[in-house]
């Protein structure tokens, strides 16, 4: 009845009402993407008509909507996630009430920015916005961000220089750092370092009993298939085809596309 009342009484001309109306419609009818795009346009144009914490929550709801779409292989929504982060950073909607950027917001911005290849903007972001990170975590977050930046650009020497300095307390961040180093060592044929890292990573995962299965499995599969990549006979077409099928069928695997590329290049 409330939705009908809003529609019949022309209340959508009130921006604050329209924000929540189209937010609701986006979340309850995710298949009707026009609702989302209307919602996005309103929060972009009127980012100061609601209290800061309410507008931040709306940006986060929009980000979650787009991330879900991107995870369903609607690749265009990766760009939407990035634009929401960029806009939310530039207008400070995604800042905390204390004027800081959380570690997760900073990390997610770098991650999605490198995915959509916005390297120039991400470089400036790390340079200009690191001062808004919590002071206790700032050094580790900046090091890992530069490592991710150079890794995604393909500058593995610079990426390694930063990544080997990172020792985060956050378990998932630690595992993501190790996963990048694994791919760097593989590309550079540093097989002794690679083997040592794979073994230490396996021990680390097994020690972290609090790690949920949905987080544990992708990294254990990363270890498993990296070992198979290293050990396979590149001239055995049947073995390569079998490995490719295994990787394609794996339900949880970090950087599945990367593994498929490596098999094809053997």
C-alpha atoms as a PDB file:
ATOM      1  CA  UNK A   1       0.000   0.000   0.000  1.00  0.00           C
ATOM      2  CA  UNK A   2       2.818   2.437   0.743  1.00  0.00           C
ATOM      3  CA  UNK A   3       4.342   1.952  -2.713  1.00  0.00           C
ATOM      4  CA  UNK A   4       0.983   2.521  -4.324  1.00  0.00           C
ATOM      5  CA  UNK A   5       0.472   5.665  -2.243  1.00  0.00           C
ATOM      6  CA  UNK A   6       3.861   7.015  -3.355  1.00  0.00           C
ATOM      7  CA  UNK A   7       3.102   6.301  -7.002  1.00  0.00           C
ATOM      8  CA  UNK A   8      -0.434   7.672  -7.020  1.00  0.00           C
ATOM      9  CA  UNK A   9       0.431  10.873  -5.157  1.00  0.00           C
ATOM     10  CA  UNK A  10       3.380  11.875  -7.298  1.00  0.00           C
ATOM     11  CA  UNK A  11       5.792  11.610  -4.368  1.00  0.00           C
ATOM     12  CA  UNK A  12       8.688  10.415  -6.526  1.00  0.00           C
ATOM     13  CA  UNK A  13       9.419  14.034  -7.353  1.00  0.00           C
ATOM     14  CA  UNK A  14      10.769  14.256  -3.775  1.00  0.00           C
ATOM     15  CA  UNK A  15      14.370  13.073  -4.197  1.00  0.00           C
ATOM     16  CA  UNK A  16      14.705  11.498  -0.738  1.00  0.00           C
ATOM     17  CA  UNK A  17      11.543   9.459  -1.342  1.00  0.00           C
ATOM     18  CA  UNK A  18      12.727   8.492  -4.831  1.00  0.00           C
ATOM     19  CA  UNK A  19      16.069   7.268  -3.465  1.00  0.00           C
ATOM     20  CA  UNK A  20      14.443   4.778  -1.121  1.00  0.00           C
ATOM     21  CA  UNK A  21      11.709   3.836  -3.590  1.00  0.00           C
ATOM     22  CA  UNK A  22      14.161   2.888  -6.336  1.00  0.00           C
ATOM     23  CA  UNK A  23      16.514   1.305  -3.833  1.00  0.00           C
ATOM     24  CA  UNK A  24      13.668  -0.957  -2.722  1.00  0.00           C
ATOM     25  CA  UNK A  25      12.683  -1.704  -6.310  1.00  0.00           C
ATOM     26  CA  UNK A  26      16.290  -2.539  -7.250  1.00  0.00           C
ATOM     27  CA  UNK A  27      16.689  -4.970  -4.370  1.00  0.00           C
ATOM     28  CA  UNK A  28      13.309  -6.670  -4.766  1.00  0.00           C
ATOM     29  CA  UNK A  29      13.447  -6.828  -8.586  1.00  0.00           C
ATOM     30  CA  UNK A  30      17.158  -7.233  -9.384  1.00  0.00           C
ATOM     31  CA  UNK A  31      16.337  -8.591 -12.829  1.00  0.00           C
ATOM     32  CA  UNK A  32      14.832  -5.194 -13.802  1.00  0.00           C
ATOM     33  CA  UNK A  33      18.066  -3.271 -14.114  1.00  0.00           C
ATOM     34  CA  UNK A  34      16.377   0.002 -15.077  1.00  0.00           C
ATOM     35  CA  UNK A  35      15.391   0.385 -11.435  1.00  0.00           C
ATOM     36  CA  UNK A  36      19.062   0.272 -10.458  1.00  0.00           C
ATOM     37  CA  UNK A  37      20.136   2.807 -13.083  1.00  0.00           C
ATOM     38  CA  UNK A  38      17.456   5.249 -11.961  1.00  0.00           C
ATOM     39  CA  UNK A  39      18.537   4.694  -8.348  1.00  0.00           C
ATOM     40  CA  UNK A  40      22.185   5.290  -9.253  1.00  0.00           C
ATOM     41  CA  UNK A  41      21.442   8.485 -11.161  1.00  0.00           C
ATOM     42  CA  UNK A  42      19.493   9.923  -8.226  1.00  0.00           C
ATOM     43  CA  UNK A  43      22.147   9.203  -5.601  1.00  0.00           C
ATOM     44  CA  UNK A  44      24.845  10.595  -7.898  1.00  0.00           C
ATOM     45  CA  UNK A  45      22.920  13.795  -8.503  1.00  0.00           C
ATOM     46  CA  UNK A  46      21.591  14.301  -4.977  1.00  0.00           C
ATOM     47  CA  UNK A  47      24.346  12.949  -2.731  1.00  0.00           C
ATOM     48  CA  UNK A  48      23.840  15.572  -0.042  1.00  0.00           C
ATOM     49  CA  UNK A  49      20.088  15.499   0.626  1.00  0.00           C
ATOM     50  CA  UNK A  50      20.254  12.708   3.218  1.00  0.00           C
ATOM     51  CA  UNK A  51      22.343  12.475   6.394  1.00  0.00           C
ATOM     52  CA  UNK A  52      25.855  11.252   5.652  1.00  0.00           C
ATOM     53  CA  UNK A  53      25.423   7.779   7.156  1.00  0.00           C
ATOM     54  CA  UNK A  54      22.197   7.215   5.179  1.00  0.00           C
ATOM     55  CA  UNK A  55      23.773   8.237   1.896  1.00  0.00           C
ATOM     56  CA  UNK A  56      26.804   6.039   2.611  1.00  0.00           C
ATOM     57  CA  UNK A  57      24.475   3.083   3.199  1.00  0.00           C
ATOM     58  CA  UNK A  58      22.751   3.784  -0.118  1.00  0.00           C
ATOM     59  CA  UNK A  59      26.084   3.769  -1.945  1.00  0.00           C
ATOM     60  CA  UNK A  60      26.970   0.470  -0.275  1.00  0.00           C
ATOM     61  CA  UNK A  61      23.616  -1.047  -1.241  1.00  0.00           C
ATOM     62  CA  UNK A  62      24.199   0.028  -4.841  1.00  0.00           C
ATOM     63  CA  UNK A  63      27.739  -1.422  -4.756  1.00  0.00           C
ATOM     64  CA  UNK A  64      26.426  -4.737  -3.419  1.00  0.00           C
ATOM     65  CA  UNK A  65      23.770  -4.848  -6.142  1.00  0.00           C
ATOM     66  CA  UNK A  66      26.402  -4.333  -8.859  1.00  0.00           C
ATOM     67  CA  UNK A  67      28.877  -6.748  -7.274  1.00  0.00           C
ATOM     68  CA  UNK A  68      26.205  -9.462  -7.297  1.00  0.00           C
ATOM     69  CA  UNK A  69      25.557  -8.781 -10.972  1.00  0.00           C
ATOM     70  CA  UNK A  70      29.287  -8.857 -11.743  1.00  0.00           C
ATOM     71  CA  UNK A  71      29.587 -12.200  -9.943  1.00  0.00           C
ATOM     72  CA  UNK A  72      26.865 -13.494 -12.257  1.00  0.00           C
ATOM     73  CA  UNK A  73      29.253 -12.751 -15.160  1.00  0.00           C
ATOM     74  CA  UNK A  74      27.593  -9.476 -16.147  1.00  0.00           C
ATOM     75  CA  UNK A  75      30.962  -7.913 -16.757  1.00  0.00           C
ATOM     76  CA  UNK A  76      29.646  -4.396 -17.438  1.00  0.00           C
ATOM     77  CA  UNK A  77      28.680  -4.133 -13.777  1.00  0.00           C
ATOM     78  CA  UNK A  78      32.357  -4.205 -12.794  1.00  0.00           C
ATOM     79  CA  UNK A  79      32.542  -0.719 -14.281  1.00  0.00           C
ATOM     80  CA  UNK A  80      29.449   0.245 -12.274  1.00  0.00           C
ATOM     81  CA  UNK A  81      31.130  -0.895  -9.045  1.00  0.00           C
ATOM     82  CA  UNK A  82      34.190   1.178  -9.879  1.00  0.00           C
ATOM     83  CA  UNK A  83      32.156   4.295 -10.684  1.00  0.00           C
ATOM     84  CA  UNK A  84      30.275   4.002  -7.391  1.00  0.00           C
ATOM     85  CA  UNK A  85      33.547   3.756  -5.490  1.00  0.00           C
ATOM     86  CA  UNK A  86      35.096   6.619  -7.462  1.00  0.00           C
ATOM     87  CA  UNK A  87      32.110   8.897  -6.988  1.00  0.00           C
ATOM     88  CA  UNK A  88      31.777   7.926  -3.323  1.00  0.00           C
ATOM     89  CA  UNK A  89      35.453   8.673  -2.708  1.00  0.00           C
ATOM     90  CA  UNK A  90      35.494  11.974  -4.568  1.00  0.00           C
ATOM     91  CA  UNK A  91      32.397  13.332  -2.834  1.00  0.00           C
ATOM     92  CA  UNK A  92      33.470  11.724   0.484  1.00  0.00           C
ATOM     93  CA  UNK A  93      30.173   9.857   0.878  1.00  0.00           C
ATOM     94  CA  UNK A  94      32.145   6.638   1.483  1.00  0.00           C
ATOM     95  CA  UNK A  95      34.214   8.231   4.238  1.00  0.00           C
ATOM     96  CA  UNK A  96      33.378   7.403   7.846  1.00  0.00           C
ATOM     97  CA  UNK A  97      31.674   9.964  10.081  1.00  0.00           C
ATOM     98  CA  UNK A  98      35.151  10.659  11.501  1.00  0.00           C
ATOM     99  CA  UNK A  99      36.490  11.555   8.052  1.00  0.00           C
ATOM    100  CA  UNK A 100      38.469   8.351   7.485  1.00  0.00           C
ATOM    101  CA  UNK A 101      38.503   5.649   4.837  1.00  0.00           C
ATOM    102  CA  UNK A 102      38.167   2.137   6.207  1.00  0.00           C
ATOM    103  CA  UNK A 103      40.709  -0.471   5.167  1.00  0.00           C
ATOM    104  CA  UNK A 104      38.036  -2.420   3.295  1.00  0.00           C
ATOM    105  CA  UNK A 105      36.863   0.632   1.320  1.00  0.00           C
ATOM    106  CA  UNK A 106      40.439   1.514   0.384  1.00  0.00           C
ATOM    107  CA  UNK A 107      41.279  -2.070  -0.582  1.00  0.00           C
ATOM    108  CA  UNK A 108      38.049  -2.586  -2.562  1.00  0.00           C
ATOM    109  CA  UNK A 109      38.630   0.649  -4.460  1.00  0.00           C
ATOM    110  CA  UNK A 110      42.121  -0.460  -5.491  1.00  0.00           C
ATOM    111  CA  UNK A 111      40.917  -3.951  -6.395  1.00  0.00           C
ATOM    112  CA  UNK A 112      38.040  -2.885  -8.628  1.00  0.00           C
ATOM    113  CA  UNK A 113      40.056  -0.033 -10.128  1.00  0.00           C
ATOM    114  CA  UNK A 114      42.756  -2.417 -11.301  1.00  0.00           C
ATOM    115  CA  UNK A 115      40.151  -4.878 -12.595  1.00  0.00           C
ATOM    116  CA  UNK A 116      38.725  -2.233 -14.947  1.00  0.00           C
ATOM    117  CA  UNK A 117      42.247  -0.986 -15.781  1.00  0.00           C
ATOM    118  CA  UNK A 118      41.817   2.529 -14.353  1.00  0.00           C
ATOM    119  CA  UNK A 119      45.508   2.605 -13.439  1.00  0.00           C
ATOM    120  CA  UNK A 120      46.023   6.348 -13.707  1.00  0.00           C
ATOM    121  CA  UNK A 121      43.149   7.087 -11.329  1.00  0.00           C
ATOM    122  CA  UNK A 122      44.188   4.340  -8.896  1.00  0.00           C
ATOM    123  CA  UNK A 123      47.769   5.650  -8.812  1.00  0.00           C
ATOM    124  CA  UNK A 124      46.468   9.085  -7.810  1.00  0.00           C
ATOM    125  CA  UNK A 125      44.030   7.518  -5.357  1.00  0.00           C
ATOM    126  CA  UNK A 126      46.768   5.656  -3.463  1.00  0.00           C
ATOM    127  CA  UNK A 127      48.976   8.745  -3.447  1.00  0.00           C
ATOM    128  CA  UNK A 128      46.311  11.243  -2.405  1.00  0.00           C
ATOM    129  CA  UNK A 129      43.974   9.281  -0.135  1.00  0.00           C
ATOM    130  CA  UNK A 130      46.314   7.110   1.935  1.00  0.00           C
ATOM    131  CA  UNK A 131      46.389   9.861   4.583  1.00  0.00           C
ATOM    132  CA  UNK A 132      42.731   9.086   5.352  1.00  0.00           C
ATOM    133  CA  UNK A 133      43.491   5.490   6.382  1.00  0.00           C
ATOM    134  CA  UNK A 134      43.620   4.565  10.086  1.00  0.00           C
ATOM    135  CA  UNK A 135      47.163   5.330  11.170  1.00  0.00           C
ATOM    136  CA  UNK A 136      47.821   1.909  12.740  1.00  0.00           C
ATOM    137  CA  UNK A 137      47.094   0.056   9.474  1.00  0.00           C
ATOM    138  CA  UNK A 138      48.231   2.654   6.979  1.00  0.00           C
ATOM    139  CA  UNK A 139      51.705   1.347   6.143  1.00  0.00           C
ATOM    140  CA  UNK A 140      50.567  -2.240   5.514  1.00  0.00           C
ATOM    141  CA  UNK A 141      47.543  -1.132   3.508  1.00  0.00           C
ATOM    142  CA  UNK A 142      49.603   1.182   1.302  1.00  0.00           C
ATOM    143  CA  UNK A 143      52.267  -1.462   0.668  1.00  0.00           C
ATOM    144  CA  UNK A 144      49.666  -4.056  -0.304  1.00  0.00           C
ATOM    145  CA  UNK A 145      47.863  -1.521  -2.516  1.00  0.00           C
ATOM    146  CA  UNK A 146      51.029  -0.658  -4.447  1.00  0.00           C
ATOM    147  CA  UNK A 147      51.740  -4.385  -4.739  1.00  0.00           C
ATOM    148  CA  UNK A 148      48.283  -5.003  -6.207  1.00  0.00           C
ATOM    149  CA  UNK A 149      48.642  -1.996  -8.518  1.00  0.00           C
ATOM    150  CA  UNK A 150      51.948  -3.113 -10.021  1.00  0.00           C
ATOM    151  CA  UNK A 151      50.892  -6.762 -10.098  1.00  0.00           C
ATOM    152  CA  UNK A 152      47.839  -5.986 -12.210  1.00  0.00           C
ATOM    153  CA  UNK A 153      49.948  -3.767 -14.493  1.00  0.00           C
ATOM    154  CA  UNK A 154      52.261  -6.726 -15.072  1.00  0.00           C
ATOM    155  CA  UNK A 155      55.297  -5.082 -13.440  1.00  0.00           C
ATOM    156  CA  UNK A 156      56.165  -8.115 -11.347  1.00  0.00           C
ATOM    157  CA  UNK A 157      59.526  -6.850 -10.083  1.00  0.00           C
ATOM    158  CA  UNK A 158      57.959  -3.765  -8.502  1.00  0.00           C
ATOM    159  CA  UNK A 159      54.978  -5.757  -7.288  1.00  0.00           C
ATOM    160  CA  UNK A 160      57.230  -8.258  -5.532  1.00  0.00           C
ATOM    161  CA  UNK A 161      59.250  -5.469  -3.895  1.00  0.00           C
ATOM    162  CA  UNK A 162      56.088  -4.206  -2.223  1.00  0.00           C
ATOM    163  CA  UNK A 163      54.362  -7.514  -1.532  1.00  0.00           C
ATOM    164  CA  UNK A 164      57.257  -9.149   0.306  1.00  0.00           C
ATOM    165  CA  UNK A 165      57.145  -6.280   2.823  1.00  0.00           C
ATOM    166  CA  UNK A 166      53.496  -6.892   3.697  1.00  0.00           C
ATOM    167  CA  UNK A 167      52.664  -8.897   6.807  1.00  0.00           C
ATOM    168  CA  UNK A 168      48.994  -8.167   7.456  1.00  0.00           C
ATOM    169  CA  UNK A 169      47.123  -9.455  10.490  1.00  0.00           C
ATOM    170  CA  UNK A 170      44.007  -9.897   8.322  1.00  0.00           C
ATOM    171  CA  UNK A 171      44.004 -13.566   7.261  1.00  0.00           C
ATOM    172  CA  UNK A 172      42.264 -13.131   3.903  1.00  0.00           C
ATOM    173  CA  UNK A 173      44.485 -10.198   2.950  1.00  0.00           C
ATOM    174  CA  UNK A 174      47.519 -12.295   3.898  1.00  0.00           C
ATOM    175  CA  UNK A 175      46.306 -15.116   1.650  1.00  0.00           C
ATOM    176  CA  UNK A 176      45.631 -12.747  -1.231  1.00  0.00           C
ATOM    177  CA  UNK A 177      49.169 -11.364  -0.922  1.00  0.00           C
ATOM    178  CA  UNK A 178      50.558 -14.902  -1.035  1.00  0.00           C
ATOM    179  CA  UNK A 179      48.402 -15.759  -4.050  1.00  0.00           C
ATOM    180  CA  UNK A 180      49.882 -12.832  -5.998  1.00  0.00           C
ATOM    181  CA  UNK A 181      53.411 -13.861  -5.039  1.00  0.00           C
ATOM    182  CA  UNK A 182      52.675 -17.408  -6.195  1.00  0.00           C
ATOM    183  CA  UNK A 183      51.739 -16.156  -9.667  1.00  0.00           C
ATOM    184  CA  UNK A 184      54.778 -13.856  -9.759  1.00  0.00           C
ATOM    185  CA  UNK A 185      57.182 -16.691  -8.870  1.00  0.00           C
ATOM    186  CA  UNK A 186      55.516 -18.923 -11.471  1.00  0.00           C
ATOM    187  CA  UNK A 187      55.877 -16.279 -14.217  1.00  0.00           C
ATOM    188  CA  UNK A 188      59.522 -15.694 -13.313  1.00  0.00           C
ATOM    189  CA  UNK A 189      60.381 -19.426 -13.095  1.00  0.00           C
ATOM    190  CA  UNK A 190      61.389 -19.022  -9.450  1.00  0.00           C
ATOM    191  CA  UNK A 191      60.389 -22.595  -8.701  1.00  0.00           C
ATOM    192  CA  UNK A 192      62.300 -23.023  -5.441  1.00  0.00           C
ATOM    193  CA  UNK A 193      60.702 -19.888  -4.008  1.00  0.00           C
ATOM    194  CA  UNK A 194      57.367 -21.011  -5.418  1.00  0.00           C
ATOM    195  CA  UNK A 195      57.554 -24.447  -3.816  1.00  0.00           C
ATOM    196  CA  UNK A 196      58.532 -22.982  -0.436  1.00  0.00           C
ATOM    197  CA  UNK A 197      55.684 -20.471  -0.585  1.00  0.00           C
ATOM    198  CA  UNK A 198      53.125 -23.124  -1.521  1.00  0.00           C
ATOM    199  CA  UNK A 199      54.131 -25.278   1.439  1.00  0.00           C
ATOM    200  CA  UNK A 200      54.180 -22.381   3.908  1.00  0.00           C
ATOM    201  CA  UNK A 201      50.785 -21.207   2.641  1.00  0.00           C
ATOM    202  CA  UNK A 202      49.301 -24.664   3.159  1.00  0.00           C
ATOM    203  CA  UNK A 203      50.612 -24.743   6.736  1.00  0.00           C
ATOM    204  CA  UNK A 204      49.254 -21.225   7.331  1.00  0.00           C
ATOM    205  CA  UNK A 205      45.769 -22.197   6.110  1.00  0.00           C
ATOM    206  CA  UNK A 206      45.699 -25.354   8.223  1.00  0.00           C
ATOM    207  CA  UNK A 207      46.678 -23.356  11.315  1.00  0.00           C
ATOM    208  CA  UNK A 208      43.841 -20.866  10.850  1.00  0.00           C
ATOM    209  CA  UNK A 209      41.025 -22.987  12.207  1.00  0.00           C
ATOM    210  CA  UNK A 210      38.637 -20.028  12.202  1.00  0.00           C
ATOM    211  CA  UNK A 211      38.879 -19.758   8.410  1.00  0.00           C
ATOM    212  CA  UNK A 212      35.492 -20.601   6.919  1.00  0.00           C
ATOM    213  CA  UNK A 213      35.311 -23.412   4.315  1.00  0.00           C
ATOM    214  CA  UNK A 214      34.200 -20.984   1.590  1.00  0.00           C
ATOM    215  CA  UNK A 215      37.406 -19.016   2.182  1.00  0.00           C
ATOM    216  CA  UNK A 216      39.672 -21.997   2.784  1.00  0.00           C
ATOM    217  CA  UNK A 217      38.758 -23.978  -0.334  1.00  0.00           C
ATOM    218  CA  UNK A 218      39.720 -21.435  -3.058  1.00  0.00           C
ATOM    219  CA  UNK A 219      43.226 -21.010  -1.646  1.00  0.00           C
ATOM    220  CA  UNK A 220      43.791 -24.741  -1.122  1.00  0.00           C
ATOM    221  CA  UNK A 221      42.771 -25.248  -4.747  1.00  0.00           C
ATOM    222  CA  UNK A 222      45.205 -22.502  -5.746  1.00  0.00           C
ATOM    223  CA  UNK A 223      47.994 -24.525  -4.117  1.00  0.00           C
ATOM    224  CA  UNK A 224      46.770 -27.782  -5.651  1.00  0.00           C
ATOM    225  CA  UNK A 225      46.552 -26.551  -9.240  1.00  0.00           C
ATOM    226  CA  UNK A 226      49.755 -24.523  -9.086  1.00  0.00           C
ATOM    227  CA  UNK A 227      51.600 -27.723  -8.172  1.00  0.00           C
ATOM    228  CA  UNK A 228      49.921 -29.513 -11.056  1.00  0.00           C
ATOM    229  CA  UNK A 229      50.920 -26.723 -13.452  1.00  0.00           C
ATOM    230  CA  UNK A 230      54.550 -26.971 -12.397  1.00  0.00           C
ATOM    231  CA  UNK A 231      54.693 -30.761 -12.626  1.00  0.00           C
ATOM    232  CA  UNK A 232      52.786 -31.415 -15.847  1.00  0.00           C
ATOM    233  CA  UNK A 233      54.601 -32.542 -18.973  1.00  0.00           C
ATOM    234  CA  UNK A 234      53.996 -29.682 -21.456  1.00  0.00           C
ATOM    235  CA  UNK A 235      54.247 -32.147 -24.362  1.00  0.00           C
ATOM    236  CA  UNK A 236      51.527 -34.452 -23.002  1.00  0.00           C
ATOM    237  CA  UNK A 237      48.413 -33.173 -24.796  1.00  0.00           C
ATOM    238  CA  UNK A 238      46.122 -35.632 -23.023  1.00  0.00           C
ATOM    239  CA  UNK A 239      47.381 -34.571 -19.574  1.00  0.00           C
ATOM    240  CA  UNK A 240      46.981 -30.893 -20.467  1.00  0.00           C
ATOM    241  CA  UNK A 241      43.433 -31.435 -21.689  1.00  0.00           C
ATOM    242  CA  UNK A 242      42.579 -33.312 -18.491  1.00  0.00           C
ATOM    243  CA  UNK A 243      44.059 -30.565 -16.310  1.00  0.00           C
ATOM    244  CA  UNK A 244      42.114 -27.928 -18.207  1.00  0.00           C
ATOM    245  CA  UNK A 245      38.885 -29.835 -17.632  1.00  0.00           C
ATOM    246  CA  UNK A 246      39.671 -30.133 -13.913  1.00  0.00           C
ATOM    247  CA  UNK A 247      40.304 -26.394 -13.607  1.00  0.00           C
ATOM    248  CA  UNK A 248      37.139 -25.503 -15.520  1.00  0.00           C
ATOM    249  CA  UNK A 249      35.110 -27.792 -13.249  1.00  0.00           C
ATOM    250  CA  UNK A 250      36.620 -26.452 -10.009  1.00  0.00           C
ATOM    251  CA  UNK A 251      33.846 -24.671  -8.114  1.00  0.00           C
ATOM    252  CA  UNK A 252      36.100 -22.536  -5.932  1.00  0.00           C
ATOM    253  CA  UNK A 253      39.464 -21.456  -7.260  1.00  0.00           C
ATOM    254  CA  UNK A 254      41.350 -18.172  -7.016  1.00  0.00           C
ATOM    255  CA  UNK A 255      42.180 -16.757 -10.483  1.00  0.00           C
ATOM    256  CA  UNK A 256      40.609 -19.527 -12.545  1.00  0.00           C
ATOM    257  CA  UNK A 257      41.072 -17.519 -15.761  1.00  0.00           C
ATOM    258  CA  UNK A 258      44.786 -17.194 -15.010  1.00  0.00           C
ATOM    259  CA  UNK A 259      45.138 -20.967 -14.589  1.00  0.00           C
ATOM    260  CA  UNK A 260      43.388 -21.627 -17.887  1.00  0.00           C
ATOM    261  CA  UNK A 261      45.713 -19.174 -19.626  1.00  0.00           C
ATOM    262  CA  UNK A 262      48.769 -20.949 -18.195  1.00  0.00           C
ATOM    263  CA  UNK A 263      47.553 -24.344 -19.359  1.00  0.00           C
ATOM    264  CA  UNK A 264      46.986 -22.954 -22.848  1.00  0.00           C
ATOM    265  CA  UNK A 265      50.516 -21.513 -22.874  1.00  0.00           C
ATOM    266  CA  UNK A 266      52.239 -24.738 -21.865  1.00  0.00           C
END
